[in-house]
Protein backbone atom coordinates (compact mmCIF):
# COMPACT_ATOMS: atom_id res chain seq x y z
CA MET A 1 7.72 -27.39 4.95
CA ALA A 2 8.48 -25.35 7.60
CA VAL A 3 8.12 -26.51 11.77
CA SER A 4 4.63 -27.10 13.10
CA SER A 5 3.01 -24.16 14.59
CA ALA A 6 3.52 -26.59 18.34
CA ASP A 7 7.03 -25.60 18.22
CA SER A 8 6.13 -22.10 18.71
CA PRO A 9 8.75 -20.82 16.74
CA HIS A 10 10.11 -17.33 15.90
CA VAL A 11 8.95 -16.11 12.61
CA LEU A 12 10.50 -13.01 10.95
CA VAL A 13 9.09 -11.77 8.03
CA LEU A 14 11.24 -8.96 5.81
CA ARG A 15 9.04 -6.59 4.09
CA ALA A 16 10.94 -3.30 3.87
CA LEU A 17 9.27 -1.28 1.45
CA GLY A 18 6.22 1.54 1.10
CA LEU A 19 2.93 1.83 2.47
CA GLY A 20 1.34 -0.06 -0.58
CA ASP A 21 3.55 -2.86 -0.20
CA LEU A 22 2.50 -2.98 3.79
CA LEU A 23 -1.02 -3.27 3.34
CA THR A 24 -0.80 -5.78 -0.02
CA GLY A 25 1.03 -8.08 1.81
CA PHE A 26 -1.70 -8.14 5.37
CA PRO A 27 -3.10 -11.19 3.31
CA ALA A 28 -0.19 -13.15 3.54
CA LEU A 29 0.75 -11.85 7.61
CA ARG A 30 -2.60 -12.98 8.11
CA GLY A 31 -2.10 -16.28 6.69
CA LEU A 32 1.35 -16.80 8.49
CA ARG A 33 -1.17 -15.89 11.55
CA ARG A 34 -3.30 -18.63 11.17
CA ALA A 35 -0.85 -21.37 10.41
CA TYR A 36 1.58 -20.31 13.46
CA PRO A 37 -1.12 -18.97 16.30
CA ASP A 38 1.66 -19.23 18.96
CA ALA A 39 4.72 -17.88 16.79
CA ARG A 40 6.62 -14.89 18.11
CA ILE A 41 6.10 -13.09 14.19
CA VAL A 42 8.44 -10.05 13.75
CA LEU A 43 7.77 -7.85 10.92
CA ALA A 44 11.36 -5.73 9.32
CA ALA A 45 9.79 -2.80 8.12
CA PRO A 46 10.31 0.63 8.44
CA GLU A 47 9.63 2.09 11.58
CA ARG A 48 7.13 4.68 10.88
CA PHE A 49 4.42 1.93 9.46
CA SER A 50 4.53 0.33 13.41
CA ARG A 51 1.68 1.26 14.77
CA LEU A 52 -0.52 0.49 11.18
CA ALA A 53 1.34 -3.13 10.74
CA MET A 54 -0.38 -4.10 14.59
CA LEU A 55 -3.65 -3.02 13.03
CA SER A 56 -2.90 -6.62 10.69
CA GLY A 57 -3.53 -8.44 13.55
CA ALA A 58 -0.76 -10.55 12.70
CA ILE A 59 2.63 -9.09 14.22
CA ASP A 60 3.65 -9.46 17.73
CA GLU A 61 6.39 -6.63 16.95
CA LEU A 62 7.65 -4.57 14.20
CA ASP A 63 11.79 -4.49 14.08
CA PRO A 64 12.67 -1.54 12.43
CA THR A 65 14.30 -1.79 8.87
CA PRO A 66 14.09 1.08 6.56
CA GLY A 67 15.57 -1.27 3.37
CA LEU A 68 17.63 -3.93 2.31
CA GLY A 69 20.99 -5.02 3.86
CA ARG A 70 19.58 -2.98 6.96
CA LEU A 71 18.06 -6.27 9.24
CA HIS A 72 18.67 -5.99 13.07
CA PRO A 73 22.03 -7.04 13.71
CA ARG A 74 20.75 -8.26 17.27
CA GLN A 75 17.93 -9.96 15.83
CA ARG A 76 17.21 -13.62 17.80
CA VAL A 77 17.73 -16.45 14.96
CA PRO A 78 14.92 -16.97 13.47
CA ASP A 79 12.72 -20.42 13.23
CA ILE A 80 11.17 -19.25 10.06
CA ALA A 81 12.87 -16.67 7.68
CA VAL A 82 9.91 -15.24 5.13
CA ASN A 83 10.79 -13.43 2.80
CA LEU A 84 7.79 -11.13 1.46
CA HIS A 85 10.26 -8.44 0.13
CA GLY A 86 11.16 -9.42 -3.43
CA SER A 87 12.41 -11.61 -5.80
CA GLY A 88 15.71 -11.41 -4.47
CA PRO A 89 19.03 -12.11 -4.32
CA GLU A 90 19.27 -9.13 -2.21
CA SER A 91 16.30 -9.86 0.18
CA ILE A 92 17.61 -13.93 0.12
CA ALA A 93 20.56 -12.84 1.14
CA ASP A 94 19.43 -10.68 3.85
CA LEU A 95 17.36 -13.67 5.24
CA THR A 96 20.28 -16.44 4.82
CA SER A 97 23.01 -14.15 6.98
CA LEU A 98 20.78 -14.94 9.69
CA GLN A 99 20.97 -18.33 9.27
CA PRO A 100 17.50 -19.30 10.26
CA LYS A 101 16.29 -22.86 10.69
CA SER A 102 14.06 -22.78 7.31
CA MET A 103 13.25 -20.05 4.90
CA LEU A 104 9.82 -19.21 2.94
CA SER A 105 10.77 -17.36 -0.68
CA HIS A 106 10.63 -17.69 -3.77
CA ARG A 107 13.94 -19.69 -5.57
CA HIS A 108 16.54 -17.31 -7.45
CA ALA A 109 19.49 -18.90 -9.62
CA ASP A 110 21.77 -16.92 -6.93
CA HIS A 111 20.63 -18.91 -4.41
CA PRO A 112 20.32 -22.55 -5.10
CA ASP A 113 20.01 -23.65 -1.54
CA VAL A 114 16.81 -21.78 -1.39
CA GLN A 115 13.50 -23.62 -2.65
CA GLY A 116 10.44 -22.43 -3.12
CA PRO A 117 7.95 -21.38 -6.41
CA PRO A 118 9.52 -19.03 -9.30
CA TRP A 119 9.00 -15.69 -9.30
CA ARG A 120 6.01 -14.68 -11.53
CA ALA A 121 5.36 -11.31 -12.92
CA ASP A 122 2.14 -11.52 -14.23
CA LEU A 123 0.60 -11.79 -10.50
CA HIS A 124 -1.10 -9.01 -8.62
CA GLU A 125 1.02 -8.20 -5.31
CA VAL A 126 -1.87 -9.71 -3.23
CA ASP A 127 -1.95 -12.60 -4.44
CA ARG A 128 2.11 -12.91 -5.30
CA TRP A 129 2.84 -13.00 -1.71
CA CYS A 130 -0.79 -15.47 -0.60
CA ALA A 131 0.61 -17.85 -3.77
CA LEU A 132 4.32 -17.93 -1.89
CA LEU A 133 2.57 -19.03 1.14
CA GLN A 134 0.27 -21.56 -0.61
CA TRP A 135 2.85 -23.12 -1.98
CA TYR A 136 4.33 -24.08 1.46
CA GLY A 137 1.29 -25.44 2.23
CA ILE A 138 0.00 -21.96 4.05
CA ALA A 139 -3.18 -21.13 3.49
CA CYS A 140 -3.96 -17.52 2.79
CA ASP A 141 -6.98 -15.35 1.83
CA PRO A 142 -6.39 -12.82 -0.84
CA GLU A 143 -9.59 -10.49 0.11
CA ASP A 144 -8.33 -10.53 3.92
CA LEU A 145 -7.06 -6.77 3.56
CA ALA A 146 -9.60 -5.35 5.81
CA ILE A 147 -8.27 -2.75 8.58
CA SER A 148 -10.77 -1.08 11.50
CA ARG A 149 -10.75 2.78 11.85
CA PRO A 150 -7.98 3.94 14.52
CA PRO A 151 -10.02 5.15 17.60
CA GLY A 152 -9.44 8.74 18.95
CA TYR A 153 -9.24 10.75 15.72
CA PRO A 154 -11.49 13.23 14.38
CA ASP A 155 -14.65 12.85 12.73
CA ARG A 156 -14.59 13.99 9.04
CA SER A 157 -17.27 11.85 7.61
CA GLY A 158 -18.52 13.24 4.26
CA VAL A 159 -15.49 15.08 2.92
CA VAL A 160 -13.67 14.34 -0.46
CA VAL A 161 -9.90 13.75 -0.24
CA ILE A 162 -7.57 14.22 -2.69
CA HIS A 163 -4.24 12.99 -2.44
CA PRO A 164 -1.93 14.44 -5.22
CA GLY A 165 1.50 12.85 -4.40
CA ALA A 166 3.24 10.05 -5.62
CA THR A 167 6.52 8.43 -4.39
CA THR A 168 7.79 9.08 -8.35
CA ALA A 169 7.03 11.51 -10.68
CA ALA A 170 5.69 8.84 -13.49
CA ARG A 171 3.07 8.13 -11.46
CA ARG A 172 2.35 11.92 -9.99
CA TRP A 173 -0.79 13.19 -12.14
CA PRO A 174 -0.01 17.14 -12.76
CA VAL A 175 -0.75 19.71 -10.40
CA ASP A 176 -3.35 21.56 -12.54
CA ARG A 177 -4.97 18.73 -13.58
CA PHE A 178 -5.80 17.54 -9.96
CA ALA A 179 -6.82 21.52 -8.99
CA THR A 180 -9.52 21.02 -11.91
CA VAL A 181 -10.91 18.14 -10.29
CA ALA A 182 -10.73 19.88 -6.75
CA ALA A 183 -12.03 23.00 -7.94
CA ALA A 184 -15.24 21.35 -9.78
CA LEU A 185 -15.97 19.22 -6.53
CA ARG A 186 -16.06 22.37 -4.31
CA ASN A 187 -18.37 24.33 -7.22
CA SER A 188 -20.47 20.80 -6.35
CA GLY A 189 -21.09 21.97 -2.83
CA TYR A 190 -18.67 19.24 -1.75
CA ASP A 191 -15.88 19.73 1.30
CA VAL A 192 -12.78 18.87 -0.66
CA VAL A 193 -9.27 18.17 1.42
CA LEU A 194 -5.75 17.72 0.62
CA THR A 195 -3.19 15.13 1.82
CA GLY A 196 0.30 14.27 1.92
CA ASP A 197 3.19 13.42 3.65
CA SER A 198 5.71 16.31 5.59
CA ASN A 199 7.60 16.47 1.76
CA GLU A 200 4.26 17.01 0.05
CA ILE A 201 3.03 20.41 1.55
CA GLU A 202 3.83 22.57 -1.15
CA LEU A 203 2.49 20.01 -3.67
CA ALA A 204 -0.88 20.41 -1.65
CA ARG A 205 -0.79 24.15 -1.13
CA ALA A 206 -0.82 24.59 -5.01
CA VAL A 207 -3.25 22.11 -5.64
CA ALA A 208 -5.36 24.24 -3.40
CA ASP A 209 -4.24 27.41 -4.62
CA GLN A 210 -5.44 26.33 -7.88
CA ALA A 211 -8.38 25.13 -6.84
CA GLY A 212 -9.61 28.08 -5.01
CA LEU A 213 -9.86 26.00 -2.01
CA PRO A 214 -8.58 27.77 1.38
CA GLN A 215 -5.53 26.88 2.61
CA SER A 216 -7.42 25.30 5.85
CA ALA A 217 -8.26 22.27 3.17
CA VAL A 218 -4.60 21.31 3.01
CA LEU A 219 -4.00 18.56 5.33
CA ALA A 220 -0.71 17.35 4.47
CA GLY A 221 1.63 17.40 6.52
CA THR A 222 -0.53 17.44 9.53
CA LEU A 223 -2.02 14.16 9.78
CA GLY A 224 0.16 11.29 11.55
CA LEU A 225 -0.14 8.17 9.50
CA LEU A 226 -2.81 6.44 11.43
CA GLY A 227 -4.76 9.80 11.13
CA LEU A 228 -4.59 9.41 7.87
CA VAL A 229 -6.05 6.09 7.76
CA ALA A 230 -9.34 7.53 10.29
CA LEU A 231 -9.55 10.47 7.31
CA ILE A 232 -10.22 8.00 4.54
CA SER A 233 -12.29 5.57 6.73
CA ASP A 234 -14.88 8.30 7.08
CA CYS A 235 -14.59 10.11 3.66
CA ARG A 236 -16.81 10.23 1.34
CA LEU A 237 -14.33 9.42 -1.62
CA LEU A 238 -10.46 9.56 -2.29
CA ILE A 239 -8.98 10.52 -5.65
CA CYS A 240 -5.48 9.67 -5.76
CA GLY A 241 -2.76 8.18 -8.24
CA ASP A 242 -1.11 5.11 -8.14
CA THR A 243 0.07 5.27 -4.52
CA GLY A 244 -0.16 3.81 -1.20
CA VAL A 245 -2.54 5.60 -0.14
CA GLY A 246 -4.76 4.08 -2.51
CA HIS A 247 -4.73 0.78 -0.65
CA ILE A 248 -5.87 2.27 2.36
CA ALA A 249 -9.25 3.06 0.61
CA THR A 250 -9.10 -0.66 -0.18
CA ALA A 251 -8.62 -1.65 3.12
CA THR A 252 -11.02 0.64 4.89
CA GLY A 253 -13.71 -0.23 2.00
CA THR A 254 -13.91 3.67 1.17
CA PRO A 255 -14.71 4.28 -2.17
CA SER A 256 -11.77 5.40 -4.55
CA VAL A 257 -11.13 6.58 -7.85
CA LEU A 258 -7.34 6.12 -8.89
CA LEU A 259 -5.37 6.97 -11.77
CA PHE A 260 -3.08 4.74 -12.76
CA GLY A 261 0.07 5.12 -15.49
CA PRO A 262 2.73 2.77 -16.00
CA THR A 263 1.54 0.39 -13.96
CA PRO A 264 -1.64 -1.76 -14.91
CA PRO A 265 -4.30 -1.84 -12.29
CA LYS A 266 -4.39 -5.76 -12.70
CA LEU A 267 -0.77 -5.94 -10.59
CA TRP A 268 -1.47 -3.13 -8.05
CA GLY A 269 -5.36 -2.18 -8.48
CA PRO A 270 -7.49 -1.92 -5.45
CA ARG A 271 -9.03 -5.10 -4.29
CA GLY A 272 -11.82 -5.92 -1.63
CA PRO A 273 -14.67 -4.78 -0.37
CA GLY A 274 -15.71 -1.43 -1.32
CA GLU A 275 -16.49 0.81 -4.85
CA HIS A 276 -12.93 1.77 -6.82
CA VAL A 277 -12.58 2.83 -10.02
CA ALA A 278 -8.91 2.05 -11.52
CA LEU A 279 -8.82 4.40 -14.53
CA TRP A 280 -5.72 3.11 -16.88
CA ALA A 281 -5.17 3.88 -20.48
CA GLY A 282 -3.83 0.82 -21.16
CA ASP A 283 0.16 1.62 -21.65
CA ARG A 284 3.20 0.65 -19.79
CA GLY A 285 6.45 2.34 -18.54
CA ASP A 286 8.48 2.80 -15.88
CA PRO A 287 7.47 3.56 -12.34
CA HIS A 288 10.64 5.00 -10.94
CA GLY A 289 10.71 7.55 -14.11
CA ASP A 290 11.53 11.23 -13.60
CA GLU A 291 8.27 12.57 -15.37
CA PRO A 292 4.70 11.96 -15.70
CA HIS A 293 4.47 9.05 -18.01
CA ARG A 294 2.55 9.47 -20.90
CA GLY A 295 -0.38 7.22 -20.03
CA LEU A 296 -0.92 8.81 -17.06
CA LEU A 297 -0.99 12.11 -19.46
CA LEU A 298 -3.80 10.20 -21.48
CA ILE A 299 -6.12 10.70 -18.49
CA THR A 300 -8.12 13.79 -18.21
CA PRO A 301 -9.76 15.81 -15.68
CA GLN A 302 -13.11 14.93 -17.42
CA ARG A 303 -12.48 11.19 -17.76
CA VAL A 304 -11.73 11.67 -13.85
CA LEU A 305 -15.01 13.82 -13.03
CA GLU A 306 -17.23 11.21 -14.77
CA ALA A 307 -15.78 8.40 -12.96
CA VAL A 308 -16.79 10.50 -9.45
CA GLU A 309 -19.92 10.89 -10.67
CA GLY A 310 -20.40 7.25 -11.19
CA VAL A 311 -19.37 6.46 -7.78
CA LEU A 312 -21.08 9.41 -6.04
CA GLY A 313 -24.51 8.83 -7.97
CA VAL A 314 -24.67 12.78 -8.76
CA LYS A 315 -23.26 15.19 -11.30
CA THR A 316 -20.15 16.97 -10.14
């Protein structure tokens, strides 16, 4: 068991992963905060998530950490190291190298001195990290996912957001299919905008061109992360693949239609308040593949538009 909260410990949490990983980790981070209200909790995660991570209300600082093997060498020796990164052994080795006084982690055969529950591949990502902390006596609420809209951004209430990108090709629905959906929504009178990061500008422009949308509809590359959160908080509906942006809709309670391919929604699908439709053909595969997964390709534009109609309550 970790030291008591009365000792005001220094807690270092490793989760140097992506956007969806950060947001699905919020319930565990908030459980830690409730367990150690006086602790200094530092999250080791990519620097670009710093402001979003603070919206959790659970951490005091983000230590810029782009990935494994990159923990800050000047980091104070933690009283408690928390492995919310993965099943190991690399993440465990990263944290044990800091010589923490105690460690909260799943067990791994390569690190017999580290106690913890076994890794379970069948758990939803939110439940996995809550269950880990609960094994150590730290209560977590898996539904504690919500974030508030960041202030100071333009109000775009009523738009429909389509986010065609995804980290890997296996989870990226084809451009022409997104364009078919975008065009149908435009023809039904909806204000459609396209989002993406700076690497996805051309992808968003291609969808706009094929859908007959003006280039002003392309917001890809123009929004910072908190600007994207504000947009999704305001919008009428988000349509995207199995990617981190979908978890923003979950966190803000925004209706969403999400397209899953190689990974089943029961592992990474939407949780929490709001109306969310997760489309999945029932197939599994490599989420890191270099071409769209065959299960993802079984999802047709018509099926997506039917889901959109169900959420919006009107025919598109």
